[in-house]
Amino acid sequence: MANRDEAERGEIEDRSAPRAAIVHEAVRRQGEEELSRPAGSLFWSSVAAGIAIMASVIAVGALHRKLPEGMAARTLVSQLGYPLGFLIVILGRLQLFTEQTIVTVLPLATRPSGRALARTARLWGIVLLGNLIGTAAAAGLTVHGHLVAPGLLDAMLAVSRESLMHKEPSEFLLQGIPAGFLIATVAWLRAASSGGEFWIVFTLTFAIVLGDFTHVVAGAAEAFLLLWAGEAGPGQVLGGMILPALAGNVIGGTGLFALLAHAQVRQEL
């Protein structure tokens, strides 16, 4: 009977979702590991992530090109390619700026100090710089290096125009808030679940493009395509697109998700 009770308790534990405090601690420890990594490792991982995120733009453009022009759901179906770059980056454990907004903020929120703030700022700066260098390099090679067929490049530029050119800076900022929140949710749910990472990443990143939200790194890939193609100027790309989206993502990922996630378990720590 005792063995049966022990087996049942074990099964109950296996079937129970982890407490929020346990998920918080798992994400916090991941953040500590990332904060302890050498600058060179963070930088090259973030450059690779910036290059890899271009796969999202390529996939959306390829689907847009292949689907019939008169197809009613052409835009919706082509958007199914958007999660591809995020799947490569997140499942490949590359450094993506918006994912770090929760992972590295939880150690700071748990034990706030000047040193912790400096460590977080160091990682954010390295990863953001690497992501932008990677996206700029990938976009430049795509436009001028003939890495894709001319028809595919035209389709990629078309979807980038449709995604970015109609928005004001204030829209990039405001629509960046939900995107930052959703990407921060990816890190939390991955820690809370024992499987299904593919579908977590796919569903939440698809929600970003479905809602026409703005993600600073994926949006930078599109913006740099337009810049290299001569369809947008440097000031417009940096000041009108990337920086407002960055601010929105930080507000959504740090100000909303990370701090709320910490607040719910603060008294249990």
Protein backbone atom coordinates (compact mmCIF):
# COMPACT_ATOMS: atom_id res chain seq x y z
CA MET A 1 0.00 0.00 0.00
CA ALA A 2 2.87 2.33 0.88
CA ASN A 3 4.55 1.55 -2.44
CA ARG A 4 1.30 2.30 -4.23
CA ASP A 5 0.91 5.62 -2.43
CA GLU A 6 4.51 6.53 -3.28
CA ALA A 7 3.98 5.61 -6.93
CA GLU A 8 0.77 7.65 -7.06
CA ARG A 9 2.50 10.65 -5.51
CA GLY A 10 5.25 10.35 -8.09
CA GLU A 11 2.69 10.23 -10.89
CA ILE A 12 0.89 13.26 -9.46
CA GLU A 13 4.16 15.20 -9.38
CA ASP A 14 4.92 14.19 -12.96
CA ARG A 15 1.50 15.37 -14.13
CA SER A 16 1.51 18.62 -12.16
CA ALA A 17 2.66 21.89 -13.69
CA PRO A 18 5.66 23.42 -11.90
CA ARG A 19 4.92 26.23 -9.47
CA ALA A 20 5.56 29.76 -10.70
CA ALA A 21 8.41 30.12 -8.21
CA ILE A 22 10.16 27.10 -9.72
CA VAL A 23 9.77 28.48 -13.25
CA HIS A 24 11.05 31.85 -12.03
CA GLU A 25 14.12 30.20 -10.51
CA ALA A 26 14.81 28.21 -13.70
CA VAL A 27 14.67 31.37 -15.83
CA ARG A 28 16.74 33.30 -13.27
CA ARG A 29 19.47 30.65 -13.31
CA GLN A 30 19.49 30.71 -17.09
CA GLY A 31 19.93 34.46 -16.87
CA GLU A 32 22.85 34.09 -14.46
CA GLU A 33 24.54 31.69 -16.88
CA GLU A 34 24.08 34.12 -19.77
CA LEU A 35 25.39 37.04 -17.72
CA SER A 36 28.54 35.05 -16.89
CA ARG A 37 29.42 34.27 -20.51
CA PRO A 38 32.44 35.99 -22.12
CA ALA A 39 31.72 39.04 -24.26
CA GLY A 40 33.13 37.36 -27.37
CA SER A 41 30.80 34.37 -27.01
CA LEU A 42 27.77 36.63 -26.59
CA PHE A 43 28.76 38.82 -29.52
CA TRP A 44 29.30 36.07 -32.09
CA SER A 45 26.19 34.21 -30.97
CA SER A 46 24.16 37.40 -31.40
CA VAL A 47 25.66 38.08 -34.84
CA ALA A 48 24.69 34.54 -35.86
CA ALA A 49 21.18 35.21 -34.53
CA GLY A 50 20.92 38.40 -36.60
CA ILE A 51 21.93 36.50 -39.72
CA ALA A 52 19.58 33.61 -38.94
CA ILE A 53 16.55 35.85 -38.36
CA MET A 54 16.75 36.77 -42.06
CA ALA A 55 15.31 33.29 -42.67
CA SER A 56 11.95 34.69 -41.54
CA VAL A 57 12.00 37.36 -44.25
CA ILE A 58 13.18 34.85 -46.86
CA ALA A 59 10.44 32.37 -45.93
CA VAL A 60 7.67 34.99 -46.01
CA GLY A 61 8.96 36.36 -49.32
CA ALA A 62 9.26 32.88 -50.85
CA LEU A 63 5.69 31.96 -49.91
CA HIS A 64 4.44 35.35 -51.12
CA ARG A 65 6.19 34.79 -54.45
CA LYS A 66 4.90 31.24 -54.95
CA LEU A 67 1.26 31.87 -54.03
CA PRO A 68 -1.18 33.13 -56.71
CA GLU A 69 -1.68 36.91 -56.71
CA GLY A 70 -5.45 36.61 -56.60
CA MET A 71 -5.45 34.24 -53.64
CA ALA A 72 -7.65 35.69 -50.88
CA ALA A 73 -5.48 34.39 -48.02
CA ARG A 74 -2.13 35.06 -49.72
CA THR A 75 -0.85 37.37 -46.99
CA LEU A 76 -1.99 35.09 -44.17
CA VAL A 77 -0.46 31.96 -45.69
CA SER A 78 2.82 33.69 -46.52
CA GLN A 79 3.06 34.86 -42.90
CA LEU A 80 3.36 31.21 -41.83
CA GLY A 81 7.01 31.54 -42.84
CA TYR A 82 7.68 34.26 -40.24
CA PRO A 83 8.46 31.92 -37.30
CA LEU A 84 11.27 30.17 -39.23
CA GLY A 85 14.07 32.53 -38.21
CA PHE A 86 12.89 32.54 -34.59
CA LEU A 87 12.84 28.74 -34.53
CA ILE A 88 16.44 28.65 -35.77
CA VAL A 89 17.56 31.27 -33.26
CA ILE A 90 15.67 30.17 -30.15
CA LEU A 91 15.91 26.39 -30.55
CA GLY A 92 19.54 26.83 -31.60
CA ARG A 93 20.21 28.75 -28.34
CA LEU A 94 21.54 31.81 -30.15
CA GLN A 95 21.44 35.23 -28.50
CA LEU A 96 18.26 37.15 -29.38
CA PHE A 97 17.91 40.56 -27.74
CA THR A 98 14.20 40.40 -26.93
CA GLU A 99 14.45 36.99 -25.29
CA GLN A 100 17.15 38.40 -22.99
CA THR A 101 14.78 41.07 -21.66
CA ILE A 102 13.26 38.57 -19.23
CA VAL A 103 16.09 36.05 -18.84
CA THR A 104 18.64 38.62 -17.66
CA VAL A 105 16.27 40.95 -15.83
CA LEU A 106 15.08 38.36 -13.32
CA PRO A 107 18.52 38.11 -11.64
CA LEU A 108 18.54 41.92 -11.42
CA ALA A 109 14.99 42.04 -10.02
CA THR A 110 15.77 39.29 -7.50
CA ARG A 111 18.96 40.90 -6.15
CA PRO A 112 19.06 44.51 -7.34
CA SER A 113 22.43 46.25 -7.18
CA GLY A 114 24.60 48.55 -9.24
CA ARG A 115 26.78 45.61 -10.27
CA ALA A 116 23.74 43.58 -11.38
CA LEU A 117 22.47 46.53 -13.42
CA ALA A 118 25.87 46.94 -15.08
CA ARG A 119 26.02 43.23 -15.95
CA THR A 120 22.54 43.38 -17.48
CA ALA A 121 23.37 46.53 -19.47
CA ARG A 122 26.60 44.89 -20.71
CA LEU A 123 24.77 41.85 -22.04
CA TRP A 124 21.95 43.89 -23.58
CA GLY A 125 24.43 46.16 -25.37
CA ILE A 126 26.53 43.30 -26.74
CA VAL A 127 23.54 41.25 -27.90
CA LEU A 128 21.68 44.16 -29.49
CA LEU A 129 24.82 45.31 -31.32
CA GLY A 130 25.52 41.78 -32.56
CA ASN A 131 21.92 41.27 -33.69
CA LEU A 132 21.93 44.52 -35.67
CA ILE A 133 25.31 43.80 -37.26
CA GLY A 134 24.08 40.35 -38.25
CA THR A 135 20.85 41.61 -39.77
CA ALA A 136 22.63 44.45 -41.61
CA ALA A 137 25.24 42.06 -43.03
CA ALA A 138 22.62 39.50 -44.06
CA ALA A 139 20.48 42.18 -45.71
CA GLY A 140 23.46 43.68 -47.56
CA LEU A 141 24.54 40.31 -48.92
CA THR A 142 20.96 39.50 -49.89
CA VAL A 143 20.56 42.74 -51.88
CA HIS A 144 24.05 43.11 -53.36
CA GLY A 145 25.54 39.63 -53.05
CA HIS A 146 22.96 37.84 -55.23
CA LEU A 147 22.28 35.28 -52.49
CA VAL A 148 18.68 34.87 -53.63
CA ALA A 149 17.01 34.88 -57.02
CA PRO A 150 15.91 38.33 -58.30
CA GLY A 151 12.26 37.32 -58.10
CA LEU A 152 12.62 36.27 -54.49
CA LEU A 153 14.44 39.50 -53.61
CA ASP A 154 11.59 41.49 -55.17
CA ALA A 155 9.10 39.52 -53.06
CA MET A 156 11.16 40.08 -49.88
CA LEU A 157 11.28 43.82 -50.56
CA ALA A 158 7.53 43.83 -51.24
CA VAL A 159 6.66 42.18 -47.92
CA SER A 160 9.14 44.45 -46.10
CA ARG A 161 7.50 47.54 -47.62
CA GLU A 162 4.07 46.24 -46.66
CA SER A 163 5.24 45.51 -43.11
CA LEU A 164 7.12 48.74 -42.36
CA MET A 165 6.62 51.65 -44.71
CA HIS A 166 3.08 52.57 -43.67
CA LYS A 167 3.92 52.93 -39.96
CA GLU A 168 4.78 56.03 -37.97
CA PRO A 169 7.50 55.87 -35.27
CA SER A 170 4.83 55.97 -32.57
CA GLU A 171 3.23 52.88 -34.11
CA PHE A 172 6.55 51.03 -34.08
CA LEU A 173 6.86 51.83 -30.37
CA LEU A 174 3.31 50.94 -29.35
CA GLN A 175 3.12 47.83 -31.51
CA GLY A 176 6.52 46.77 -30.17
CA ILE A 177 5.09 46.39 -26.67
CA PRO A 178 2.97 43.28 -27.43
CA ALA A 179 5.85 41.78 -29.42
CA GLY A 180 8.24 42.21 -26.48
CA PHE A 181 5.68 40.65 -24.16
CA LEU A 182 5.15 37.66 -26.46
CA ILE A 183 8.86 36.92 -26.92
CA ALA A 184 9.43 37.17 -23.17
CA THR A 185 6.58 34.68 -22.79
CA VAL A 186 8.52 32.23 -24.98
CA ALA A 187 11.37 32.09 -22.44
CA TRP A 188 8.94 31.63 -19.53
CA LEU A 189 6.89 28.88 -21.21
CA ARG A 190 10.00 26.98 -22.33
CA ALA A 191 11.08 26.81 -18.70
CA ALA A 192 7.57 25.80 -17.57
CA SER A 193 7.07 22.98 -20.07
CA SER A 194 8.96 19.73 -20.50
CA GLY A 195 8.43 19.59 -24.25
CA GLY A 196 6.70 21.24 -27.17
CA GLU A 197 9.30 23.99 -27.61
CA PHE A 198 8.73 24.02 -31.37
CA TRP A 199 5.04 24.83 -31.00
CA ILE A 200 5.61 27.39 -28.24
CA VAL A 201 8.02 29.33 -30.46
CA PHE A 202 5.95 28.88 -33.61
CA THR A 203 2.63 29.93 -32.04
CA LEU A 204 3.88 33.01 -30.19
CA THR A 205 6.04 34.33 -33.04
CA PHE A 206 3.23 33.72 -35.53
CA ALA A 207 1.03 35.81 -33.23
CA ILE A 208 3.51 38.68 -33.67
CA VAL A 209 3.19 38.78 -37.43
CA LEU A 210 -0.54 38.03 -37.29
CA GLY A 211 -1.07 41.06 -35.07
CA ASP A 212 1.20 43.24 -37.21
CA PHE A 213 3.35 43.87 -34.13
CA THR A 214 6.94 45.12 -34.42
CA HIS A 215 9.95 43.06 -33.37
CA VAL A 216 13.21 45.01 -33.30
CA VAL A 217 15.48 42.30 -34.74
CA ALA A 218 13.15 40.81 -37.35
CA GLY A 219 12.02 44.33 -38.23
CA ALA A 220 15.65 45.40 -38.56
CA ALA A 221 16.19 42.63 -41.11
CA GLU A 222 13.36 44.07 -43.22
CA ALA A 223 14.45 47.67 -42.62
CA PHE A 224 18.05 46.97 -43.66
CA LEU A 225 16.80 45.29 -46.84
CA LEU A 226 14.97 48.50 -47.73
CA LEU A 227 18.05 50.55 -46.77
CA TRP A 228 20.45 48.53 -48.96
CA ALA A 229 17.93 48.64 -51.81
CA GLY A 230 17.77 52.43 -51.59
CA GLU A 231 14.10 52.52 -50.59
CA ALA A 232 14.66 53.97 -47.10
CA GLY A 233 17.27 56.30 -45.63
CA PRO A 234 19.54 55.64 -42.61
CA GLY A 235 17.70 58.16 -40.44
CA GLN A 236 14.33 56.65 -41.27
CA VAL A 237 15.57 53.11 -40.60
CA LEU A 238 17.34 53.87 -37.32
CA GLY A 239 15.28 56.67 -35.83
CA GLY A 240 11.89 55.88 -37.34
CA MET A 241 11.86 52.09 -37.20
CA ILE A 242 14.55 50.34 -35.14
CA LEU A 243 14.80 52.60 -32.09
CA PRO A 244 11.01 52.94 -31.53
CA ALA A 245 10.56 49.17 -31.93
CA LEU A 246 13.43 48.63 -29.50
CA ALA A 247 11.79 50.85 -26.90
CA GLY A 248 8.46 49.06 -27.31
CA ASN A 249 10.04 45.61 -27.04
CA VAL A 250 11.90 46.60 -23.87
CA ILE A 251 8.72 48.00 -22.31
CA GLY A 252 6.75 44.87 -23.19
CA GLY A 253 9.42 42.33 -22.29
CA THR A 254 10.92 44.00 -19.23
CA GLY A 255 8.44 46.55 -17.93
CA LEU A 256 5.43 44.29 -18.31
CA PHE A 257 6.31 40.61 -18.48
CA ALA A 258 9.58 40.31 -16.54
CA LEU A 259 8.60 42.56 -13.66
CA LEU A 260 5.09 41.10 -13.42
CA ALA A 261 6.53 37.58 -13.51
CA HIS A 262 8.84 38.54 -10.65
CA ALA A 263 6.12 40.34 -8.68
CA GLN A 264 3.89 37.24 -8.55
CA VAL A 265 6.57 35.16 -6.79
CA ARG A 266 8.53 37.83 -4.89
CA GLN A 267 7.10 36.83 -1.51
CA GLU A 268 7.83 33.15 -2.17
CA LEU A 269 11.55 33.64 -2.83
